[in-house]
Amino acid sequence: MKTAIAINDALDMLARPHEELFAMADAARERRSGRTADICSIINAKSGACPEDCSFCAQSARNRASSQIYPLVDDDVIRRAARSARANGARRFCIVTSGRGTAGSDLDRIERMIGIVADEGLLPCATLGIMSVENLRRLKQAGLHRYHHNLETSEAFFSEICRTHTYQEKIVTIRAALDAGLSVCSGGIFGLGETWRDRVEMAFALKDLGVDAVPVNFLMPVAGTPLGSRPVIDPLEALKIIAVYRLILPDREIRICGGRQALGERITDMFRAGADGFLIGNYLTTTGRDPSADMAMLRETGFEAIP
């Protein structure tokens, strides 16, 4: 009953003038992290040919999108990418693979890659799909710091965007990562056709799970996917999502990741709306902002990257 009341309170906040909402979120962010931002970078370490049917994803073999297909990259590719990420100001580096999950020889190689990332002076993260607690413990032993596994949306809306795996399977993986002693990063994608209630319900699900970081992604529609014709989310609506998440999750990292270009000229307002972290460089299948522009943005807004 308390969660239902809290959800309704969060929905009521949306009726406030957006400047008031942003001021509340900005104050909450200031209390948590001051004028610092946590910067991460990713590599698409294994691309395409995914058997899952996520309707937003260019890497699904079931969709008609054009995306690269290649097996797990070599160690040297990881080393060069991690070195570049650190030079560009990243603190964390995430190894991302397509597919339902990761096991066998790929998992053996990723254990080694985790050590490479750590040797480059970065916190190693991984996004490897649905995983068992035993394999996650292996990765923790290898030096993995954080596991990333998005809920994507609310439980009620999940079947509208994916039918080849369930929301509950995602919950089980997140709990397995927490049980393995890993920090967990989990959030979702906005602009899929979900309602505000879906957005708020996912925020409370993440709060109940106890994840450490919440990545906020905005759909960039890709031709050939079922959501390829959806409009890009309005910048003000995107900022309100960030603000509501900051207010529901005042003690968690709120990091802005895929689709950040949806904010347009209001991109610096993501901090004022409550964000305290973001992804630099390219995304999995689309191009991101120049990292030097992001570092300049930090300086201009009076923020600094956590070293």
C-alpha atoms as a PDB file:
ATOM      1  CA  MET A   1       0.000   0.000   0.000  1.00  0.00           C
ATOM      2  CA  LYS A   2       2.862   2.374   0.763  1.00  0.00           C
ATOM      3  CA  THR A   3       4.336   1.825  -2.705  1.00  0.00           C
ATOM      4  CA  ALA A   4       0.968   2.620  -4.352  1.00  0.00           C
ATOM      5  CA  ILE A   5       0.712   5.872  -2.386  1.00  0.00           C
ATOM      6  CA  ALA A   6       4.317   6.754  -3.233  1.00  0.00           C
ATOM      7  CA  ILE A   7       3.682   6.060  -6.929  1.00  0.00           C
ATOM      8  CA  ASN A   8       0.654   8.354  -6.879  1.00  0.00           C
ATOM      9  CA  ASP A   9       2.678  11.039  -5.109  1.00  0.00           C
ATOM     10  CA  ALA A  10       5.325  10.793  -7.827  1.00  0.00           C
ATOM     11  CA  LEU A  11       2.666  11.096 -10.529  1.00  0.00           C
ATOM     12  CA  ASP A  12       1.244  14.128  -8.747  1.00  0.00           C
ATOM     13  CA  MET A  13       4.668  15.798  -8.930  1.00  0.00           C
ATOM     14  CA  LEU A  14       4.315  15.906 -12.703  1.00  0.00           C
ATOM     15  CA  ALA A  15       1.579  18.523 -12.332  1.00  0.00           C
ATOM     16  CA  ARG A  16       4.079  20.964 -10.802  1.00  0.00           C
ATOM     17  CA  PRO A  17       5.624  23.640 -13.051  1.00  0.00           C
ATOM     18  CA  HIS A  18       8.703  22.089 -14.635  1.00  0.00           C
ATOM     19  CA  GLU A  19      11.042  24.736 -13.214  1.00  0.00           C
ATOM     20  CA  GLU A  20       9.854  23.851  -9.713  1.00  0.00           C
ATOM     21  CA  LEU A  21      10.351  20.152 -10.457  1.00  0.00           C
ATOM     22  CA  PHE A  22      13.871  20.809 -11.751  1.00  0.00           C
ATOM     23  CA  ALA A  23      14.760  22.904  -8.701  1.00  0.00           C
ATOM     24  CA  MET A  24      13.749  20.060  -6.392  1.00  0.00           C
ATOM     25  CA  ALA A  25      15.733  17.538  -8.441  1.00  0.00           C
ATOM     26  CA  ASP A  26      18.766  19.827  -8.658  1.00  0.00           C
ATOM     27  CA  ALA A  27      18.821  20.218  -4.880  1.00  0.00           C
ATOM     28  CA  ALA A  28      18.593  16.436  -4.428  1.00  0.00           C
ATOM     29  CA  ARG A  29      21.476  15.913  -6.867  1.00  0.00           C
ATOM     30  CA  GLU A  30      23.574  18.564  -5.099  1.00  0.00           C
ATOM     31  CA  ARG A  31      23.083  16.806  -1.772  1.00  0.00           C
ATOM     32  CA  ARG A  32      24.147  13.477  -3.234  1.00  0.00           C
ATOM     33  CA  SER A  33      27.085  14.311  -5.466  1.00  0.00           C
ATOM     34  CA  GLY A  34      27.790  18.033  -5.426  1.00  0.00           C
ATOM     35  CA  ARG A  35      29.207  19.286  -8.716  1.00  0.00           C
ATOM     36  CA  THR A  36      30.733  15.973  -9.781  1.00  0.00           C
ATOM     37  CA  ALA A  37      29.720  13.606 -12.566  1.00  0.00           C
ATOM     38  CA  ASP A  38      30.486   9.903 -12.963  1.00  0.00           C
ATOM     39  CA  ILE A  39      31.552   9.171 -16.553  1.00  0.00           C
ATOM     40  CA  CYS A  40      31.378   5.800 -18.295  1.00  0.00           C
ATOM     41  CA  SER A  41      32.097   4.421 -21.739  1.00  0.00           C
ATOM     42  CA  ILE A  42      31.110   1.192 -23.508  1.00  0.00           C
ATOM     43  CA  ILE A  43      32.285  -1.107 -26.268  1.00  0.00           C
ATOM     44  CA  ASN A  44      30.044  -3.225 -28.470  1.00  0.00           C
ATOM     45  CA  ALA A  45      32.248  -6.278 -27.967  1.00  0.00           C
ATOM     46  CA  LYS A  46      29.975  -8.767 -29.765  1.00  0.00           C
ATOM     47  CA  SER A  47      27.423  -7.431 -32.203  1.00  0.00           C
ATOM     48  CA  GLY A  48      24.187  -8.494 -33.840  1.00  0.00           C
ATOM     49  CA  ALA A  49      22.503 -11.836 -34.582  1.00  0.00           C
ATOM     50  CA  CYS A  50      20.659 -11.724 -31.257  1.00  0.00           C
ATOM     51  CA  PRO A  51      17.827 -14.292 -31.021  1.00  0.00           C
ATOM     52  CA  GLU A  52      15.708 -12.042 -28.772  1.00  0.00           C
ATOM     53  CA  ASP A  53      12.892  -9.910 -30.222  1.00  0.00           C
ATOM     54  CA  CYS A  54      13.271  -6.592 -28.353  1.00  0.00           C
ATOM     55  CA  SER A  55      11.308  -4.184 -30.524  1.00  0.00           C
ATOM     56  CA  PHE A  56      13.700  -1.253 -30.053  1.00  0.00           C
ATOM     57  CA  CYS A  57      16.922  -3.110 -30.866  1.00  0.00           C
ATOM     58  CA  ALA A  58      18.836  -2.986 -34.146  1.00  0.00           C
ATOM     59  CA  GLN A  59      20.806  -6.096 -33.137  1.00  0.00           C
ATOM     60  CA  SER A  60      17.830  -8.471 -33.036  1.00  0.00           C
ATOM     61  CA  ALA A  61      17.995 -11.095 -35.787  1.00  0.00           C
ATOM     62  CA  ARG A  62      14.187 -10.925 -35.875  1.00  0.00           C
ATOM     63  CA  ASN A  63      14.203  -7.278 -36.925  1.00  0.00           C
ATOM     64  CA  ARG A  64      15.065  -5.862 -40.353  1.00  0.00           C
ATOM     65  CA  ALA A  65      17.509  -3.226 -39.155  1.00  0.00           C
ATOM     66  CA  SER A  66      20.957  -3.001 -40.693  1.00  0.00           C
ATOM     67  CA  SER A  67      23.599  -3.513 -38.017  1.00  0.00           C
ATOM     68  CA  GLN A  68      27.048  -5.033 -37.885  1.00  0.00           C
ATOM     69  CA  ILE A  69      27.410  -8.704 -37.014  1.00  0.00           C
ATOM     70  CA  TYR A  70      30.689  -9.948 -35.531  1.00  0.00           C
ATOM     71  CA  PRO A  71      31.868 -12.356 -32.803  1.00  0.00           C
ATOM     72  CA  LEU A  72      33.581 -11.385 -29.563  1.00  0.00           C
ATOM     73  CA  VAL A  73      36.426  -8.982 -30.312  1.00  0.00           C
ATOM     74  CA  ASP A  74      40.086  -9.625 -29.515  1.00  0.00           C
ATOM     75  CA  ASP A  75      41.784  -8.547 -26.295  1.00  0.00           C
ATOM     76  CA  ASP A  76      43.748  -5.829 -28.110  1.00  0.00           C
ATOM     77  CA  VAL A  77      40.509  -4.172 -29.238  1.00  0.00           C
ATOM     78  CA  ILE A  78      39.339  -4.029 -25.619  1.00  0.00           C
ATOM     79  CA  ARG A  79      42.694  -2.653 -24.481  1.00  0.00           C
ATOM     80  CA  ARG A  80      42.732   0.126 -27.068  1.00  0.00           C
ATOM     81  CA  ALA A  81      39.114   1.069 -26.409  1.00  0.00           C
ATOM     82  CA  ALA A  82      39.629   1.155 -22.632  1.00  0.00           C
ATOM     83  CA  ARG A  83      42.774   3.247 -23.008  1.00  0.00           C
ATOM     84  CA  SER A  84      40.920   5.713 -25.241  1.00  0.00           C
ATOM     85  CA  ALA A  85      37.979   5.862 -22.831  1.00  0.00           C
ATOM     86  CA  ARG A  86      40.243   6.736 -19.933  1.00  0.00           C
ATOM     87  CA  ALA A  87      42.030   9.396 -21.990  1.00  0.00           C
ATOM     88  CA  ASN A  88      38.611  10.900 -22.784  1.00  0.00           C
ATOM     89  CA  GLY A  89      37.686  11.182 -19.097  1.00  0.00           C
ATOM     90  CA  ALA A  90      35.799   7.946 -18.377  1.00  0.00           C
ATOM     91  CA  ARG A  91      35.940   6.330 -14.959  1.00  0.00           C
ATOM     92  CA  ARG A  92      34.076   3.137 -15.907  1.00  0.00           C
ATOM     93  CA  PHE A  93      34.306   0.929 -18.990  1.00  0.00           C
ATOM     94  CA  CYS A  94      31.604  -1.577 -19.932  1.00  0.00           C
ATOM     95  CA  ILE A  95      32.024  -4.677 -22.097  1.00  0.00           C
ATOM     96  CA  VAL A  96      28.700  -5.258 -23.901  1.00  0.00           C
ATOM     97  CA  THR A  97      27.725  -8.386 -25.842  1.00  0.00           C
ATOM     98  CA  SER A  98      24.628  -9.131 -27.897  1.00  0.00           C
ATOM     99  CA  GLY A  99      22.558 -12.237 -27.254  1.00  0.00           C
ATOM    100  CA  ARG A 100      20.386 -13.752 -24.565  1.00  0.00           C
ATOM    101  CA  GLY A 101      23.328 -14.480 -22.275  1.00  0.00           C
ATOM    102  CA  THR A 102      27.035 -15.308 -22.206  1.00  0.00           C
ATOM    103  CA  ALA A 103      28.711 -18.602 -21.326  1.00  0.00           C
ATOM    104  CA  GLY A 104      31.409 -21.058 -22.422  1.00  0.00           C
ATOM    105  CA  SER A 105      34.554 -19.814 -24.142  1.00  0.00           C
ATOM    106  CA  ASP A 106      33.165 -16.271 -24.491  1.00  0.00           C
ATOM    107  CA  LEU A 107      32.799 -16.050 -20.727  1.00  0.00           C
ATOM    108  CA  ASP A 108      36.373 -17.323 -20.286  1.00  0.00           C
ATOM    109  CA  ARG A 109      37.627 -14.575 -22.584  1.00  0.00           C
ATOM    110  CA  ILE A 110      35.551 -11.892 -20.890  1.00  0.00           C
ATOM    111  CA  GLU A 111      37.119 -12.833 -17.559  1.00  0.00           C
ATOM    112  CA  ARG A 112      40.478 -11.987 -19.121  1.00  0.00           C
ATOM    113  CA  MET A 113      39.124  -8.760 -20.632  1.00  0.00           C
ATOM    114  CA  ILE A 114      37.971  -7.615 -17.203  1.00  0.00           C
ATOM    115  CA  GLY A 115      41.578  -7.767 -16.068  1.00  0.00           C
ATOM    116  CA  ILE A 116      42.658  -5.750 -19.107  1.00  0.00           C
ATOM    117  CA  VAL A 117      40.150  -2.991 -18.304  1.00  0.00           C
ATOM    118  CA  ALA A 118      41.302  -2.877 -14.679  1.00  0.00           C
ATOM    119  CA  ASP A 119      44.949  -2.709 -15.793  1.00  0.00           C
ATOM    120  CA  GLU A 120      44.072   0.399 -17.797  1.00  0.00           C
ATOM    121  CA  GLY A 121      42.924   2.092 -14.593  1.00  0.00           C
ATOM    122  CA  LEU A 122      39.173   1.865 -15.129  1.00  0.00           C
ATOM    123  CA  LEU A 123      36.357   0.240 -13.174  1.00  0.00           C
ATOM    124  CA  PRO A 124      35.293  -2.820 -15.219  1.00  0.00           C
ATOM    125  CA  CYS A 125      31.594  -3.224 -16.003  1.00  0.00           C
ATOM    126  CA  ALA A 126      29.775  -5.754 -18.169  1.00  0.00           C
ATOM    127  CA  THR A 127      26.458  -6.165 -19.992  1.00  0.00           C
ATOM    128  CA  LEU A 128      26.178  -9.831 -20.945  1.00  0.00           C
ATOM    129  CA  GLY A 129      22.455 -10.588 -20.826  1.00  0.00           C
ATOM    130  CA  ILE A 130      20.662 -13.070 -18.596  1.00  0.00           C
ATOM    131  CA  MET A 131      23.206 -14.709 -16.287  1.00  0.00           C
ATOM    132  CA  SER A 132      23.341 -17.216 -13.444  1.00  0.00           C
ATOM    133  CA  VAL A 133      24.639 -16.290 -10.010  1.00  0.00           C
ATOM    134  CA  GLU A 134      27.462 -18.835 -10.450  1.00  0.00           C
ATOM    135  CA  ASN A 135      28.758 -17.122 -13.599  1.00  0.00           C
ATOM    136  CA  LEU A 136      28.348 -13.698 -12.055  1.00  0.00           C
ATOM    137  CA  ARG A 137      30.430 -14.828  -9.102  1.00  0.00           C
ATOM    138  CA  ARG A 138      33.105 -15.925 -11.568  1.00  0.00           C
ATOM    139  CA  LEU A 139      33.123 -12.454 -13.070  1.00  0.00           C
ATOM    140  CA  LYS A 140      33.268 -10.855  -9.635  1.00  0.00           C
ATOM    141  CA  GLN A 141      36.273 -13.038  -8.805  1.00  0.00           C
ATOM    142  CA  ALA A 142      37.887 -11.923 -12.073  1.00  0.00           C
ATOM    143  CA  GLY A 143      37.590  -8.300 -10.943  1.00  0.00           C
ATOM    144  CA  LEU A 144      34.254  -7.150 -12.357  1.00  0.00           C
ATOM    145  CA  HIS A 145      32.978  -4.161 -10.409  1.00  0.00           C
ATOM    146  CA  ARG A 146      29.497  -3.588 -11.825  1.00  0.00           C
ATOM    147  CA  TYR A 147      26.937  -5.572 -13.804  1.00  0.00           C
ATOM    148  CA  HIS A 148      24.508  -3.747 -16.070  1.00  0.00           C
ATOM    149  CA  HIS A 149      21.113  -5.262 -16.858  1.00  0.00           C
ATOM    150  CA  ASN A 150      18.189  -2.998 -17.737  1.00  0.00           C
ATOM    151  CA  LEU A 151      14.583  -3.648 -16.791  1.00  0.00           C
ATOM    152  CA  GLU A 152      13.786  -1.522 -19.896  1.00  0.00           C
ATOM    153  CA  THR A 153      10.255  -0.551 -18.774  1.00  0.00           C
ATOM    154  CA  SER A 154       7.534  -1.453 -16.290  1.00  0.00           C
ATOM    155  CA  GLU A 155       6.390  -5.010 -15.673  1.00  0.00           C
ATOM    156  CA  ALA A 156       2.957  -4.139 -17.093  1.00  0.00           C
ATOM    157  CA  PHE A 157       4.367  -2.812 -20.383  1.00  0.00           C
ATOM    158  CA  PHE A 158       7.272  -5.233 -20.831  1.00  0.00           C
ATOM    159  CA  SER A 159       5.416  -7.772 -22.997  1.00  0.00           C
ATOM    160  CA  GLU A 160       4.681  -4.973 -25.478  1.00  0.00           C
ATOM    161  CA  ILE A 161       8.379  -4.646 -26.302  1.00  0.00           C
ATOM    162  CA  CYS A 162       9.724  -8.177 -25.781  1.00  0.00           C
ATOM    163  CA  ARG A 163       8.223 -11.683 -25.855  1.00  0.00           C
ATOM    164  CA  THR A 164      11.280 -13.957 -26.012  1.00  0.00           C
ATOM    165  CA  HIS A 165      12.227 -13.399 -22.387  1.00  0.00           C
ATOM    166  CA  THR A 166      10.300 -12.128 -19.401  1.00  0.00           C
ATOM    167  CA  TYR A 167      10.476  -9.250 -16.987  1.00  0.00           C
ATOM    168  CA  GLN A 168      10.850 -11.799 -14.191  1.00  0.00           C
ATOM    169  CA  GLU A 169      13.965 -13.253 -15.828  1.00  0.00           C
ATOM    170  CA  LYS A 170      15.461  -9.778 -15.695  1.00  0.00           C
ATOM    171  CA  ILE A 171      14.607  -9.455 -12.008  1.00  0.00           C
ATOM    172  CA  VAL A 172      16.257 -12.831 -11.317  1.00  0.00           C
ATOM    173  CA  THR A 173      19.465 -11.721 -13.092  1.00  0.00           C
ATOM    174  CA  ILE A 174      19.609  -8.426 -11.182  1.00  0.00           C
ATOM    175  CA  ARG A 175      19.150 -10.230  -7.869  1.00  0.00           C
ATOM    176  CA  ALA A 176      21.798 -12.776  -8.884  1.00  0.00           C
ATOM    177  CA  ALA A 177      24.274  -9.964  -9.576  1.00  0.00           C
ATOM    178  CA  LEU A 178      23.536  -8.410  -6.189  1.00  0.00           C
ATOM    179  CA  ASP A 179      23.903 -11.833  -4.509  1.00  0.00           C
ATOM    180  CA  ALA A 180      27.270 -12.221  -6.255  1.00  0.00           C
ATOM    181  CA  GLY A 181      28.445  -9.037  -4.524  1.00  0.00           C
ATOM    182  CA  LEU A 182      28.463  -6.875  -7.640  1.00  0.00           C
ATOM    183  CA  SER A 183      27.374  -3.283  -7.944  1.00  0.00           C
ATOM    184  CA  VAL A 184      24.355  -3.193 -10.252  1.00  0.00           C
ATOM    185  CA  CYS A 185      23.367  -0.683 -12.916  1.00  0.00           C
ATOM    186  CA  SER A 186      19.790  -1.022 -14.178  1.00  0.00           C
ATOM    187  CA  GLY A 187      17.359   1.344 -15.829  1.00  0.00           C
ATOM    188  CA  GLY A 188      15.432   1.520 -19.048  1.00  0.00           C
ATOM    189  CA  ILE A 189      14.499   3.161 -22.308  1.00  0.00           C
ATOM    190  CA  PHE A 190      11.925   5.926 -22.552  1.00  0.00           C
ATOM    191  CA  GLY A 191       9.808   6.821 -25.545  1.00  0.00           C
ATOM    192  CA  LEU A 192       8.758   3.246 -26.351  1.00  0.00           C
ATOM    193  CA  GLY A 193       5.056   4.072 -26.049  1.00  0.00           C
ATOM    194  CA  GLU A 194       4.918   3.627 -22.276  1.00  0.00           C
ATOM    195  CA  THR A 195       2.780   5.797 -19.982  1.00  0.00           C
ATOM    196  CA  TRP A 196       3.966   7.987 -17.132  1.00  0.00           C
ATOM    197  CA  ARG A 197       2.700   5.339 -14.727  1.00  0.00           C
ATOM    198  CA  ASP A 198       4.920   2.771 -16.461  1.00  0.00           C
ATOM    199  CA  ARG A 199       7.884   5.100 -15.993  1.00  0.00           C
ATOM    200  CA  VAL A 200       7.200   5.697 -12.332  1.00  0.00           C
ATOM    201  CA  GLU A 201       6.488   2.029 -11.612  1.00  0.00           C
ATOM    202  CA  MET A 202       9.867   1.080 -13.074  1.00  0.00           C
ATOM    203  CA  ALA A 203      11.563   3.659 -10.840  1.00  0.00           C
ATOM    204  CA  PHE A 204       9.979   2.095  -7.761  1.00  0.00           C
ATOM    205  CA  ALA A 205      10.893  -1.409  -8.950  1.00  0.00           C
ATOM    206  CA  LEU A 206      14.531  -0.298  -9.203  1.00  0.00           C
ATOM    207  CA  LYS A 207      14.306   1.300  -5.770  1.00  0.00           C
ATOM    208  CA  ASP A 208      12.945  -1.915  -4.268  1.00  0.00           C
ATOM    209  CA  LEU A 209      15.693  -3.984  -5.925  1.00  0.00           C
ATOM    210  CA  GLY A 210      18.377  -1.740  -4.456  1.00  0.00           C
ATOM    211  CA  VAL A 211      20.412  -1.097  -7.599  1.00  0.00           C
ATOM    212  CA  ASP A 212      23.273   1.408  -7.336  1.00  0.00           C
ATOM    213  CA  ALA A 213      22.977   3.213 -10.655  1.00  0.00           C
ATOM    214  CA  VAL A 214      20.079   3.941 -12.990  1.00  0.00           C
ATOM    215  CA  PRO A 215      20.849   4.554 -16.668  1.00  0.00           C
ATOM    216  CA  VAL A 216      18.248   6.696 -18.421  1.00  0.00           C
ATOM    217  CA  ASN A 217      18.040   6.028 -22.173  1.00  0.00           C
ATOM    218  CA  PHE A 218      15.819   7.715 -24.753  1.00  0.00           C
ATOM    219  CA  LEU A 219      14.675   5.807 -27.814  1.00  0.00           C
ATOM    220  CA  MET A 220      16.384   6.792 -31.035  1.00  0.00           C
ATOM    221  CA  PRO A 221      14.118   4.999 -33.533  1.00  0.00           C
ATOM    222  CA  VAL A 222      16.035   2.717 -35.910  1.00  0.00           C
ATOM    223  CA  ALA A 223      14.644   1.887 -39.346  1.00  0.00           C
ATOM    224  CA  GLY A 224      13.811  -1.787 -39.655  1.00  0.00           C
ATOM    225  CA  THR A 225      12.768  -2.227 -36.023  1.00  0.00           C
ATOM    226  CA  PRO A 226       9.104  -2.357 -34.927  1.00  0.00           C
ATOM    227  CA  LEU A 227       9.578   1.026 -33.216  1.00  0.00           C
ATOM    228  CA  GLY A 228      11.391   2.573 -36.153  1.00  0.00           C
ATOM    229  CA  SER A 229       8.607   5.064 -36.881  1.00  0.00           C
ATOM    230  CA  ARG A 230       8.089   6.325 -33.326  1.00  0.00           C
ATOM    231  CA  PRO A 231       8.744  10.036 -32.752  1.00  0.00           C
ATOM    232  CA  VAL A 232      11.769  11.088 -30.723  1.00  0.00           C
ATOM    233  CA  ILE A 233      10.803  12.091 -27.198  1.00  0.00           C
ATOM    234  CA  ASP A 234      10.323  15.822 -26.530  1.00  0.00           C
ATOM    235  CA  PRO A 235      13.316  17.393 -24.708  1.00  0.00           C
ATOM    236  CA  LEU A 236      11.197  18.828 -21.878  1.00  0.00           C
ATOM    237  CA  GLU A 237       9.502  15.466 -21.319  1.00  0.00           C
ATOM    238  CA  ALA A 238      12.914  13.791 -21.240  1.00  0.00           C
ATOM    239  CA  LEU A 239      14.132  16.256 -18.610  1.00  0.00           C
ATOM    240  CA  LYS A 240      11.018  15.649 -16.507  1.00  0.00           C
ATOM    241  CA  ILE A 241      11.775  11.906 -16.571  1.00  0.00           C
ATOM    242  CA  ILE A 242      15.282  12.601 -15.255  1.00  0.00           C
ATOM    243  CA  ALA A 243      13.893  14.866 -12.521  1.00  0.00           C
ATOM    244  CA  VAL A 244      11.241  12.387 -11.361  1.00  0.00           C
ATOM    245  CA  TYR A 245      13.818   9.594 -11.229  1.00  0.00           C
ATOM    246  CA  ARG A 246      16.149  11.765  -9.157  1.00  0.00           C
ATOM    247  CA  LEU A 247      13.353  12.528  -6.700  1.00  0.00           C
ATOM    248  CA  ILE A 248      12.224   8.895  -6.408  1.00  0.00           C
ATOM    249  CA  LEU A 249      15.847   7.667  -6.175  1.00  0.00           C
ATOM    250  CA  PRO A 250      17.681  10.495  -4.381  1.00  0.00           C
ATOM    251  CA  ASP A 251      20.622   8.339  -3.256  1.00  0.00           C
ATOM    252  CA  ARG A 252      21.322   6.505  -6.545  1.00  0.00           C
ATOM    253  CA  GLU A 253      23.397   7.458  -9.556  1.00  0.00           C
ATOM    254  CA  ILE A 254      21.193   8.784 -12.342  1.00  0.00           C
ATOM    255  CA  ARG A 255      23.241   8.504 -15.522  1.00  0.00           C
ATOM    256  CA  ILE A 256      22.127   9.665 -18.965  1.00  0.00           C
ATOM    257  CA  CYS A 257      23.094   7.178 -21.646  1.00  0.00           C
ATOM    258  CA  GLY A 258      21.674   6.204 -25.040  1.00  0.00           C
ATOM    259  CA  GLY A 259      19.697   8.770 -27.014  1.00  0.00           C
ATOM    260  CA  ARG A 260      21.089  11.761 -25.145  1.00  0.00           C
ATOM    261  CA  GLN A 261      20.761  13.744 -28.394  1.00  0.00           C
ATOM    262  CA  ALA A 262      16.990  13.795 -27.764  1.00  0.00           C
ATOM    263  CA  LEU A 263      17.709  16.615 -25.300  1.00  0.00           C
ATOM    264  CA  GLY A 264      18.887  18.784 -28.178  1.00  0.00           C
ATOM    265  CA  GLU A 265      19.985  22.271 -27.128  1.00  0.00           C
ATOM    266  CA  ARG A 266      18.832  21.524 -23.580  1.00  0.00           C
ATOM    267  CA  ILE A 267      21.491  18.894 -23.028  1.00  0.00           C
ATOM    268  CA  THR A 268      23.208  20.834 -20.226  1.00  0.00           C
ATOM    269  CA  ASP A 269      19.875  20.954 -18.375  1.00  0.00           C
ATOM    270  CA  MET A 270      20.248  17.229 -17.617  1.00  0.00           C
ATOM    271  CA  PHE A 271      22.345  18.204 -14.569  1.00  0.00           C
ATOM    272  CA  ARG A 272      19.775  20.749 -13.420  1.00  0.00           C
ATOM    273  CA  ALA A 273      17.155  18.002 -13.780  1.00  0.00           C
ATOM    274  CA  GLY A 274      19.117  15.746 -11.428  1.00  0.00           C
ATOM    275  CA  ALA A 275      21.607  13.694 -13.477  1.00  0.00           C
ATOM    276  CA  ASP A 276      25.014  13.021 -11.945  1.00  0.00           C
ATOM    277  CA  GLY A 277      26.547  10.720 -14.534  1.00  0.00           C
ATOM    278  CA  PHE A 278      26.557  10.046 -18.249  1.00  0.00           C
ATOM    279  CA  LEU A 279      27.929   7.902 -21.043  1.00  0.00           C
ATOM    280  CA  ILE A 280      30.557   9.328 -23.384  1.00  0.00           C
ATOM    281  CA  GLY A 281      31.454   8.194 -26.883  1.00  0.00           C
ATOM    282  CA  ASN A 282      29.444   6.011 -29.221  1.00  0.00           C
ATOM    283  CA  TYR A 283      26.526   3.780 -28.294  1.00  0.00           C
ATOM    284  CA  LEU A 284      26.083   0.160 -29.397  1.00  0.00           C
ATOM    285  CA  THR A 285      24.878   0.746 -32.966  1.00  0.00           C
ATOM    286  CA  THR A 286      24.587   4.536 -33.202  1.00  0.00           C
ATOM    287  CA  THR A 287      27.016   7.444 -32.968  1.00  0.00           C
ATOM    288  CA  GLY A 288      27.256   9.506 -29.781  1.00  0.00           C
ATOM    289  CA  ARG A 289      28.706  12.927 -29.062  1.00  0.00           C
ATOM    290  CA  ASP A 290      32.373  13.807 -29.341  1.00  0.00           C
ATOM    291  CA  PRO A 291      33.872  13.198 -25.851  1.00  0.00           C
ATOM    292  CA  SER A 292      35.769  16.490 -26.044  1.00  0.00           C
ATOM    293  CA  ALA A 293      32.424  18.304 -26.425  1.00  0.00           C
ATOM    294  CA  ASP A 294      31.145  16.526 -23.318  1.00  0.00           C
ATOM    295  CA  MET A 295      34.199  17.496 -21.296  1.00  0.00           C
ATOM    296  CA  ALA A 296      33.757  21.095 -22.451  1.00  0.00           C
ATOM    297  CA  MET A 297      30.096  20.892 -21.404  1.00  0.00           C
ATOM    298  CA  LEU A 298      31.161  19.792 -17.917  1.00  0.00           C
ATOM    299  CA  ARG A 299      33.542  22.726 -17.560  1.00  0.00           C
ATOM    300  CA  GLU A 300      30.988  25.213 -18.847  1.00  0.00           C
ATOM    301  CA  THR A 301      28.373  24.045 -16.343  1.00  0.00           C
ATOM    302  CA  GLY A 302      30.794  24.087 -13.398  1.00  0.00           C
ATOM    303  CA  PHE A 303      30.968  20.306 -13.018  1.00  0.00           C
ATOM    304  CA  GLU A 304      33.969  18.023 -12.970  1.00  0.00           C
ATOM    305  CA  ALA A 305      34.358  14.353 -13.765  1.00  0.00           C
ATOM    306  CA  ILE A 306      35.119  12.002 -10.885  1.00  0.00           C
ATOM    307  CA  PRO A 307      38.734  10.933 -11.594  1.00  0.00           C
END
